[in-house]
């Protein structure tokens, strides 16, 4: 998603503050899956998502631009349309993503490659599309959605976890490059948020939160904070941050014990 300064408050209020557009509706999949090629997703989900986007597009400050994030050319062309429509941009929030827990358990290679194409390379395509614009402008904000699953290796996450770890590393890397041009780069690391994607999980999800909770945290992080990482809920993220600094021997032992509970 991209926002112009002129319409930023309205867009954020509708998309994030109230969280009424994506996740709150059944079978939509949330912000994290919009932009994935239709043939790769449940067609009913894609059609429902498009239907709602078409409805909200009637608002003078909200515009939808469906695209395939795995297509670099498509990302560049779509950004040009967005730039022309909004007459200037201040924030781009990249949040394409996909996940299939059953195939993650099976270490399905085709699925894992697709996850990397969407989650990691799809985001890179989007960042590349806006790179020159923001560097020429010499200000603005690029925010990339990663996940706590990217902190360290977790069970049954052979595709999703690595894709998010790569995104976090990527955000850290380009932070320095864009900073030289006065452009802010941040990363968002959400925990478990109740969406049709997480509904597929067969394990208890600690500190599961609502889309509205996530929307508030993202809004505050984008607008009211200057930090690099937006992460929530803190009870979960701070625990995982602590585990991340432990030696492998201790970390693997603790995670193994927790999973077997």
C-alpha atoms as a PDB file:
ATOM      1  CA  UNK A   1       0.000   0.000   0.000  1.00  0.00           C
ATOM      2  CA  UNK A   2       1.144   3.520  -0.766  1.00  0.00           C
ATOM      3  CA  UNK A   3      -0.044   6.771   0.745  1.00  0.00           C
ATOM      4  CA  UNK A   4       0.173  10.417  -0.189  1.00  0.00           C
ATOM      5  CA  UNK A   5       0.555  13.015   2.526  1.00  0.00           C
ATOM      6  CA  UNK A   6      -2.699  14.644   1.472  1.00  0.00           C
ATOM      7  CA  UNK A   7      -4.803  11.524   1.969  1.00  0.00           C
ATOM      8  CA  UNK A   8      -2.609   9.736   4.498  1.00  0.00           C
ATOM      9  CA  UNK A   9      -4.748  10.296   7.598  1.00  0.00           C
ATOM     10  CA  UNK A  10      -7.920   9.130   5.883  1.00  0.00           C
ATOM     11  CA  UNK A  11      -6.280   6.079   4.368  1.00  0.00           C
ATOM     12  CA  UNK A  12      -4.621   5.016   7.587  1.00  0.00           C
ATOM     13  CA  UNK A  13      -7.796   5.517   9.570  1.00  0.00           C
ATOM     14  CA  UNK A  14      -9.763   3.241   7.283  1.00  0.00           C
ATOM     15  CA  UNK A  15      -7.129   0.671   6.425  1.00  0.00           C
ATOM     16  CA  UNK A  16      -5.440   0.391   9.774  1.00  0.00           C
ATOM     17  CA  UNK A  17      -7.079   2.256  12.621  1.00  0.00           C
ATOM     18  CA  UNK A  18     -10.412   0.557  12.203  1.00  0.00           C
ATOM     19  CA  UNK A  19      -9.126  -2.540  10.420  1.00  0.00           C
ATOM     20  CA  UNK A  20     -12.441  -2.959   8.642  1.00  0.00           C
ATOM     21  CA  UNK A  21     -11.273  -3.697   5.159  1.00  0.00           C
ATOM     22  CA  UNK A  22      -9.462  -6.997   5.038  1.00  0.00           C
ATOM     23  CA  UNK A  23      -9.084  -9.211   8.070  1.00  0.00           C
ATOM     24  CA  UNK A  24     -12.376  -8.383   9.695  1.00  0.00           C
ATOM     25  CA  UNK A  25     -14.270 -10.042   6.855  1.00  0.00           C
ATOM     26  CA  UNK A  26     -14.465 -13.800   6.696  1.00  0.00           C
ATOM     27  CA  UNK A  27     -12.480 -15.652   4.032  1.00  0.00           C
ATOM     28  CA  UNK A  28     -10.475 -12.627   2.940  1.00  0.00           C
ATOM     29  CA  UNK A  29      -7.072 -13.570   4.259  1.00  0.00           C
ATOM     30  CA  UNK A  30      -5.961 -10.193   5.476  1.00  0.00           C
ATOM     31  CA  UNK A  31      -3.465  -7.639   4.336  1.00  0.00           C
ATOM     32  CA  UNK A  32      -0.725 -10.244   4.140  1.00  0.00           C
ATOM     33  CA  UNK A  33      -2.110 -12.117   1.158  1.00  0.00           C
ATOM     34  CA  UNK A  34      -3.422  -9.425  -1.157  1.00  0.00           C
ATOM     35  CA  UNK A  35      -1.387  -9.280  -4.351  1.00  0.00           C
ATOM     36  CA  UNK A  36      -0.726 -13.005  -4.787  1.00  0.00           C
ATOM     37  CA  UNK A  37      -1.509 -14.427  -8.229  1.00  0.00           C
ATOM     38  CA  UNK A  38      -5.137 -15.652  -8.263  1.00  0.00           C
ATOM     39  CA  UNK A  39      -4.251 -19.065  -9.682  1.00  0.00           C
ATOM     40  CA  UNK A  40      -2.095 -19.698  -6.614  1.00  0.00           C
ATOM     41  CA  UNK A  41      -4.850 -19.027  -4.086  1.00  0.00           C
ATOM     42  CA  UNK A  42      -8.356 -20.129  -3.286  1.00  0.00           C
ATOM     43  CA  UNK A  43     -10.382 -18.482  -6.053  1.00  0.00           C
ATOM     44  CA  UNK A  44     -13.284 -17.726  -3.714  1.00  0.00           C
ATOM     45  CA  UNK A  45     -10.931 -15.863  -1.375  1.00  0.00           C
ATOM     46  CA  UNK A  46      -9.447 -13.847  -4.219  1.00  0.00           C
ATOM     47  CA  UNK A  47     -12.853 -12.946  -5.632  1.00  0.00           C
ATOM     48  CA  UNK A  48     -14.170 -11.914  -2.229  1.00  0.00           C
ATOM     49  CA  UNK A  49     -11.112  -9.761  -1.639  1.00  0.00           C
ATOM     50  CA  UNK A  50     -11.502  -8.093  -5.029  1.00  0.00           C
ATOM     51  CA  UNK A  51     -15.190  -7.480  -4.374  1.00  0.00           C
ATOM     52  CA  UNK A  52     -14.445  -5.629  -1.137  1.00  0.00           C
ATOM     53  CA  UNK A  53     -11.596  -3.654  -2.679  1.00  0.00           C
ATOM     54  CA  UNK A  54     -13.905  -2.589  -5.486  1.00  0.00           C
ATOM     55  CA  UNK A  55     -16.481  -1.404  -2.946  1.00  0.00           C
ATOM     56  CA  UNK A  56     -14.050   0.656  -0.903  1.00  0.00           C
ATOM     57  CA  UNK A  57     -12.621   2.145  -4.076  1.00  0.00           C
ATOM     58  CA  UNK A  58     -15.752   4.288  -4.216  1.00  0.00           C
ATOM     59  CA  UNK A  59     -14.211   6.366  -1.438  1.00  0.00           C
ATOM     60  CA  UNK A  60     -12.388   9.372  -2.894  1.00  0.00           C
ATOM     61  CA  UNK A  61      -9.274   8.666  -0.807  1.00  0.00           C
ATOM     62  CA  UNK A  62      -8.967   4.915  -1.387  1.00  0.00           C
ATOM     63  CA  UNK A  63      -7.838   3.232  -4.585  1.00  0.00           C
ATOM     64  CA  UNK A  64      -7.139  -0.412  -5.329  1.00  0.00           C
ATOM     65  CA  UNK A  65      -4.517  -1.600  -7.803  1.00  0.00           C
ATOM     66  CA  UNK A  66      -4.455  -5.414  -8.040  1.00  0.00           C
ATOM     67  CA  UNK A  67      -1.106  -6.800  -9.130  1.00  0.00           C
ATOM     68  CA  UNK A  68       1.052  -9.910  -9.195  1.00  0.00           C
ATOM     69  CA  UNK A  69       3.967  -9.185  -6.857  1.00  0.00           C
ATOM     70  CA  UNK A  70       6.004 -11.989  -8.424  1.00  0.00           C
ATOM     71  CA  UNK A  71       6.055 -10.058 -11.711  1.00  0.00           C
ATOM     72  CA  UNK A  72       8.728  -7.332 -11.571  1.00  0.00           C
ATOM     73  CA  UNK A  73       7.407  -5.517 -14.633  1.00  0.00           C
ATOM     74  CA  UNK A  74       3.865  -5.586 -13.260  1.00  0.00           C
ATOM     75  CA  UNK A  75       5.102  -4.037  -9.989  1.00  0.00           C
ATOM     76  CA  UNK A  76       6.838  -1.200 -11.839  1.00  0.00           C
ATOM     77  CA  UNK A  77       3.824  -0.490 -14.036  1.00  0.00           C
ATOM     78  CA  UNK A  78       1.426  -0.576 -11.090  1.00  0.00           C
ATOM     79  CA  UNK A  79       3.595   1.819  -9.100  1.00  0.00           C
ATOM     80  CA  UNK A  80       3.534   4.283 -11.978  1.00  0.00           C
ATOM     81  CA  UNK A  81      -0.270   4.139 -11.934  1.00  0.00           C
ATOM     82  CA  UNK A  82      -0.349   4.647  -8.162  1.00  0.00           C
ATOM     83  CA  UNK A  83       2.093   7.551  -8.353  1.00  0.00           C
ATOM     84  CA  UNK A  84       0.048   9.235 -11.044  1.00  0.00           C
ATOM     85  CA  UNK A  85      -3.226   8.696  -9.203  1.00  0.00           C
ATOM     86  CA  UNK A  86      -2.029   9.965  -5.825  1.00  0.00           C
ATOM     87  CA  UNK A  87       0.173  12.720  -7.227  1.00  0.00           C
ATOM     88  CA  UNK A  88       3.044  11.901  -4.893  1.00  0.00           C
ATOM     89  CA  UNK A  89       3.737   9.344  -2.165  1.00  0.00           C
ATOM     90  CA  UNK A  90       5.078   9.446   1.380  1.00  0.00           C
ATOM     91  CA  UNK A  91       4.751   5.873   2.652  1.00  0.00           C
ATOM     92  CA  UNK A  92       4.812   2.445   1.022  1.00  0.00           C
ATOM     93  CA  UNK A  93       3.814  -0.486   3.233  1.00  0.00           C
ATOM     94  CA  UNK A  94       4.687  -3.829   1.640  1.00  0.00           C
ATOM     95  CA  UNK A  95       2.823  -6.797   3.060  1.00  0.00           C
ATOM     96  CA  UNK A  96       2.383  -9.542   0.466  1.00  0.00           C
ATOM     97  CA  UNK A  97       2.599 -13.040   1.890  1.00  0.00           C
ATOM     98  CA  UNK A  98       1.383 -16.632   1.748  1.00  0.00           C
ATOM     99  CA  UNK A  99       1.507 -19.660   4.024  1.00  0.00           C
ATOM    100  CA  UNK A 100       0.300 -23.264   4.050  1.00  0.00           C
ATOM    101  CA  UNK A 101       1.051 -25.092   7.330  1.00  0.00           C
ATOM    102  CA  UNK A 102       0.329 -28.570   5.952  1.00  0.00           C
ATOM    103  CA  UNK A 103       2.814 -28.184   3.105  1.00  0.00           C
ATOM    104  CA  UNK A 104       5.314 -26.594   5.479  1.00  0.00           C
ATOM    105  CA  UNK A 105       5.269 -29.774   7.575  1.00  0.00           C
ATOM    106  CA  UNK A 106       5.849 -31.885   4.476  1.00  0.00           C
ATOM    107  CA  UNK A 107       8.658 -29.567   3.287  1.00  0.00           C
ATOM    108  CA  UNK A 108       6.958 -29.326  -0.085  1.00  0.00           C
ATOM    109  CA  UNK A 109       9.677 -27.902  -2.358  1.00  0.00           C
ATOM    110  CA  UNK A 110       7.287 -26.401  -4.898  1.00  0.00           C
ATOM    111  CA  UNK A 111       5.371 -24.673  -2.119  1.00  0.00           C
ATOM    112  CA  UNK A 112       8.553 -23.444  -0.435  1.00  0.00           C
ATOM    113  CA  UNK A 113       9.793 -21.949  -3.703  1.00  0.00           C
ATOM    114  CA  UNK A 114       6.431 -20.251  -4.185  1.00  0.00           C
ATOM    115  CA  UNK A 115       6.525 -18.881  -0.629  1.00  0.00           C
ATOM    116  CA  UNK A 116       9.935 -17.362  -1.335  1.00  0.00           C
ATOM    117  CA  UNK A 117       8.687 -15.942  -4.650  1.00  0.00           C
ATOM    118  CA  UNK A 118       5.756 -14.197  -2.960  1.00  0.00           C
ATOM    119  CA  UNK A 119       7.039 -13.315   0.509  1.00  0.00           C
ATOM    120  CA  UNK A 120      10.643 -12.433  -0.286  1.00  0.00           C
ATOM    121  CA  UNK A 121      11.138 -11.803  -3.995  1.00  0.00           C
ATOM    122  CA  UNK A 122       7.659 -10.284  -4.298  1.00  0.00           C
ATOM    123  CA  UNK A 123       8.605  -7.686  -1.699  1.00  0.00           C
ATOM    124  CA  UNK A 124      11.945  -7.069  -3.410  1.00  0.00           C
ATOM    125  CA  UNK A 125      10.104  -6.436  -6.667  1.00  0.00           C
ATOM    126  CA  UNK A 126       7.946  -3.837  -4.916  1.00  0.00           C
ATOM    127  CA  UNK A 127      10.863  -2.116  -3.187  1.00  0.00           C
ATOM    128  CA  UNK A 128      12.796  -2.004  -6.453  1.00  0.00           C
ATOM    129  CA  UNK A 129       9.801  -0.413  -8.146  1.00  0.00           C
ATOM    130  CA  UNK A 130       9.764   2.509  -5.680  1.00  0.00           C
ATOM    131  CA  UNK A 131      13.521   2.809  -5.086  1.00  0.00           C
ATOM    132  CA  UNK A 132      14.316   5.551  -7.578  1.00  0.00           C
ATOM    133  CA  UNK A 133      11.229   7.583  -6.683  1.00  0.00           C
ATOM    134  CA  UNK A 134      12.066   7.767  -2.981  1.00  0.00           C
ATOM    135  CA  UNK A 135      15.784   8.325  -3.516  1.00  0.00           C
ATOM    136  CA  UNK A 136      15.065  11.171  -5.921  1.00  0.00           C
ATOM    137  CA  UNK A 137      12.531  12.604  -3.491  1.00  0.00           C
ATOM    138  CA  UNK A 138      15.029  12.254  -0.623  1.00  0.00           C
ATOM    139  CA  UNK A 139      12.409  11.561   2.027  1.00  0.00           C
ATOM    140  CA  UNK A 140       9.553   9.143   2.710  1.00  0.00           C
ATOM    141  CA  UNK A 141       9.080   5.808   4.413  1.00  0.00           C
ATOM    142  CA  UNK A 142       9.277   2.208   3.177  1.00  0.00           C
ATOM    143  CA  UNK A 143       7.905  -0.363   5.609  1.00  0.00           C
ATOM    144  CA  UNK A 144       8.290  -4.113   5.091  1.00  0.00           C
ATOM    145  CA  UNK A 145       6.168  -6.749   6.829  1.00  0.00           C
ATOM    146  CA  UNK A 146       8.216  -9.660   8.142  1.00  0.00           C
ATOM    147  CA  UNK A 147       7.211 -11.891  11.076  1.00  0.00           C
ATOM    148  CA  UNK A 148       8.376 -13.241  14.415  1.00  0.00           C
ATOM    149  CA  UNK A 149       8.773 -16.498  12.475  1.00  0.00           C
ATOM    150  CA  UNK A 150      11.885 -14.929  11.000  1.00  0.00           C
ATOM    151  CA  UNK A 151      13.632 -14.409  14.343  1.00  0.00           C
ATOM    152  CA  UNK A 152      14.984 -17.974  14.535  1.00  0.00           C
ATOM    153  CA  UNK A 153      14.115 -21.395  13.156  1.00  0.00           C
ATOM    154  CA  UNK A 154      10.798 -22.811  14.369  1.00  0.00           C
ATOM    155  CA  UNK A 155       9.126 -26.205  13.823  1.00  0.00           C
ATOM    156  CA  UNK A 156       6.940 -26.721  10.744  1.00  0.00           C
ATOM    157  CA  UNK A 157       8.128 -23.521   9.092  1.00  0.00           C
ATOM    158  CA  UNK A 158      10.535 -24.673   6.395  1.00  0.00           C
ATOM    159  CA  UNK A 159       9.342 -22.119   3.853  1.00  0.00           C
ATOM    160  CA  UNK A 160       7.574 -19.322   5.690  1.00  0.00           C
ATOM    161  CA  UNK A 161      10.202 -18.823   8.421  1.00  0.00           C
ATOM    162  CA  UNK A 162      13.180 -18.571   6.054  1.00  0.00           C
ATOM    163  CA  UNK A 163      11.270 -16.176   3.782  1.00  0.00           C
ATOM    164  CA  UNK A 164      10.593 -13.865   6.725  1.00  0.00           C
ATOM    165  CA  UNK A 165      14.140 -14.146   8.044  1.00  0.00           C
ATOM    166  CA  UNK A 166      15.335 -13.096   4.593  1.00  0.00           C
ATOM    167  CA  UNK A 167      12.957 -10.117   4.632  1.00  0.00           C
ATOM    168  CA  UNK A 168      14.206  -8.915   8.007  1.00  0.00           C
ATOM    169  CA  UNK A 169      17.812  -9.197   6.836  1.00  0.00           C
ATOM    170  CA  UNK A 170      16.909  -7.393   3.615  1.00  0.00           C
ATOM    171  CA  UNK A 171      15.224  -4.548   5.527  1.00  0.00           C
ATOM    172  CA  UNK A 172      18.270  -4.199   7.778  1.00  0.00           C
ATOM    173  CA  UNK A 173      20.524  -4.054   4.736  1.00  0.00           C
ATOM    174  CA  UNK A 174      18.614  -1.470   2.693  1.00  0.00           C
ATOM    175  CA  UNK A 175      18.047   0.639   5.822  1.00  0.00           C
ATOM    176  CA  UNK A 176      21.593   1.942   5.478  1.00  0.00           C
ATOM    177  CA  UNK A 177      21.309   2.536   1.750  1.00  0.00           C
ATOM    178  CA  UNK A 178      18.055   4.503   1.914  1.00  0.00           C
ATOM    179  CA  UNK A 179      19.121   6.428   5.018  1.00  0.00           C
ATOM    180  CA  UNK A 180      21.746   8.232   2.941  1.00  0.00           C
ATOM    181  CA  UNK A 181      18.881   9.670   0.901  1.00  0.00           C
ATOM    182  CA  UNK A 182      16.756  10.665   3.887  1.00  0.00           C
ATOM    183  CA  UNK A 183      14.342   7.760   3.396  1.00  0.00           C
ATOM    184  CA  UNK A 184      13.191   5.782   6.420  1.00  0.00           C
ATOM    185  CA  UNK A 185      13.037   1.976   6.240  1.00  0.00           C
ATOM    186  CA  UNK A 186      11.235  -0.054   8.903  1.00  0.00           C
ATOM    187  CA  UNK A 187      10.223  -3.671   9.421  1.00  0.00           C
ATOM    188  CA  UNK A 188       6.998  -4.975  10.983  1.00  0.00           C
ATOM    189  CA  UNK A 189       7.181  -8.268  12.907  1.00  0.00           C
ATOM    190  CA  UNK A 190       3.700  -9.358  13.982  1.00  0.00           C
ATOM    191  CA  UNK A 191       2.970 -12.346  16.166  1.00  0.00           C
ATOM    192  CA  UNK A 192      -0.099 -14.538  15.721  1.00  0.00           C
ATOM    193  CA  UNK A 193      -3.006 -12.531  14.302  1.00  0.00           C
ATOM    194  CA  UNK A 194      -6.365 -14.206  13.778  1.00  0.00           C
ATOM    195  CA  UNK A 195      -6.937 -14.452  10.024  1.00  0.00           C
ATOM    196  CA  UNK A 196      -8.012 -17.248   7.679  1.00  0.00           C
ATOM    197  CA  UNK A 197      -4.298 -17.984   7.221  1.00  0.00           C
ATOM    198  CA  UNK A 198      -3.592 -18.552  10.910  1.00  0.00           C
ATOM    199  CA  UNK A 199      -6.899 -20.418  11.244  1.00  0.00           C
ATOM    200  CA  UNK A 200      -5.157 -23.213   9.337  1.00  0.00           C
ATOM    201  CA  UNK A 201      -2.694 -23.780  12.171  1.00  0.00           C
ATOM    202  CA  UNK A 202      -3.315 -26.949  14.155  1.00  0.00           C
ATOM    203  CA  UNK A 203      -1.308 -25.878  17.207  1.00  0.00           C
ATOM    204  CA  UNK A 204      -2.186 -23.474  20.046  1.00  0.00           C
ATOM    205  CA  UNK A 205      -1.088 -19.959  19.108  1.00  0.00           C
ATOM    206  CA  UNK A 206       0.208 -18.012  22.126  1.00  0.00           C
ATOM    207  CA  UNK A 207      -0.988 -14.433  22.544  1.00  0.00           C
ATOM    208  CA  UNK A 208      -3.283 -14.647  19.523  1.00  0.00           C
ATOM    209  CA  UNK A 209      -4.527 -11.140  18.718  1.00  0.00           C
ATOM    210  CA  UNK A 210      -7.275  -9.615  16.614  1.00  0.00           C
ATOM    211  CA  UNK A 211      -6.767  -7.735  13.335  1.00  0.00           C
ATOM    212  CA  UNK A 212      -7.908  -4.576  15.115  1.00  0.00           C
ATOM    213  CA  UNK A 213      -5.095  -4.976  17.651  1.00  0.00           C
ATOM    214  CA  UNK A 214      -2.566  -5.403  14.857  1.00  0.00           C
ATOM    215  CA  UNK A 215      -3.998  -2.415  12.994  1.00  0.00           C
ATOM    216  CA  UNK A 216      -3.502  -0.138  15.990  1.00  0.00           C
ATOM    217  CA  UNK A 217       0.086  -1.305  16.472  1.00  0.00           C
ATOM    218  CA  UNK A 218       0.960  -0.825  12.811  1.00  0.00           C
ATOM    219  CA  UNK A 219      -0.673   2.610  12.733  1.00  0.00           C
ATOM    220  CA  UNK A 220       1.202   3.758  15.833  1.00  0.00           C
ATOM    221  CA  UNK A 221       4.461   2.359  14.524  1.00  0.00           C
ATOM    222  CA  UNK A 222       4.143   4.059  11.149  1.00  0.00           C
ATOM    223  CA  UNK A 223       2.871   7.413  12.361  1.00  0.00           C
ATOM    224  CA  UNK A 224       3.962   7.931  15.957  1.00  0.00           C
ATOM    225  CA  UNK A 225       7.282   6.109  16.179  1.00  0.00           C
ATOM    226  CA  UNK A 226      10.653   6.501  14.518  1.00  0.00           C
ATOM    227  CA  UNK A 227      11.956   3.068  15.465  1.00  0.00           C
ATOM    228  CA  UNK A 228      13.208   0.498  12.975  1.00  0.00           C
ATOM    229  CA  UNK A 229      11.013  -2.410  14.101  1.00  0.00           C
ATOM    230  CA  UNK A 230       7.293  -2.513  14.813  1.00  0.00           C
ATOM    231  CA  UNK A 231       6.687  -5.720  16.754  1.00  0.00           C
ATOM    232  CA  UNK A 232       3.721  -7.068  18.723  1.00  0.00           C
ATOM    233  CA  UNK A 233       2.401  -8.436  20.994  1.00  0.00           C
ATOM    234  CA  UNK A 234       5.300  -7.538  23.265  1.00  0.00           C
ATOM    235  CA  UNK A 235       4.742 -10.519  25.601  1.00  0.00           C
ATOM    236  CA  UNK A 236       5.566 -12.855  22.724  1.00  0.00           C
ATOM    237  CA  UNK A 237       8.074 -10.833  20.749  1.00  0.00           C
ATOM    238  CA  UNK A 238      10.264  -9.992  23.755  1.00  0.00           C
ATOM    239  CA  UNK A 239      10.333 -13.667  24.764  1.00  0.00           C
ATOM    240  CA  UNK A 240      11.451 -14.666  21.280  1.00  0.00           C
ATOM    241  CA  UNK A 241      14.012 -11.874  21.204  1.00  0.00           C
ATOM    242  CA  UNK A 242      15.501 -13.298  24.384  1.00  0.00           C
ATOM    243  CA  UNK A 243      15.550 -16.809  22.921  1.00  0.00           C
ATOM    244  CA  UNK A 244      17.249 -15.429  19.827  1.00  0.00           C
ATOM    245  CA  UNK A 245      20.384 -14.463  21.746  1.00  0.00           C
ATOM    246  CA  UNK A 246      20.797 -17.879  23.373  1.00  0.00           C
ATOM    247  CA  UNK A 247      23.401 -20.362  22.130  1.00  0.00           C
ATOM    248  CA  UNK A 248      22.026 -22.960  19.723  1.00  0.00           C
ATOM    249  CA  UNK A 249      22.319 -25.764  22.249  1.00  0.00           C
ATOM    250  CA  UNK A 250      20.056 -23.998  24.747  1.00  0.00           C
ATOM    251  CA  UNK A 251      17.692 -22.529  22.159  1.00  0.00           C
ATOM    252  CA  UNK A 252      17.034 -25.836  20.390  1.00  0.00           C
ATOM    253  CA  UNK A 253      16.549 -27.608  23.719  1.00  0.00           C
ATOM    254  CA  UNK A 254      13.990 -25.056  24.960  1.00  0.00           C
ATOM    255  CA  UNK A 255      12.015 -24.927  21.708  1.00  0.00           C
ATOM    256  CA  UNK A 256      11.947 -28.720  21.555  1.00  0.00           C
ATOM    257  CA  UNK A 257      10.549 -28.861  25.089  1.00  0.00           C
ATOM    258  CA  UNK A 258       7.939 -26.213  24.355  1.00  0.00           C
ATOM    259  CA  UNK A 259       6.758 -27.969  21.196  1.00  0.00           C
ATOM    260  CA  UNK A 260       6.362 -31.298  23.003  1.00  0.00           C
ATOM    261  CA  UNK A 261       4.085 -29.843  25.664  1.00  0.00           C
END
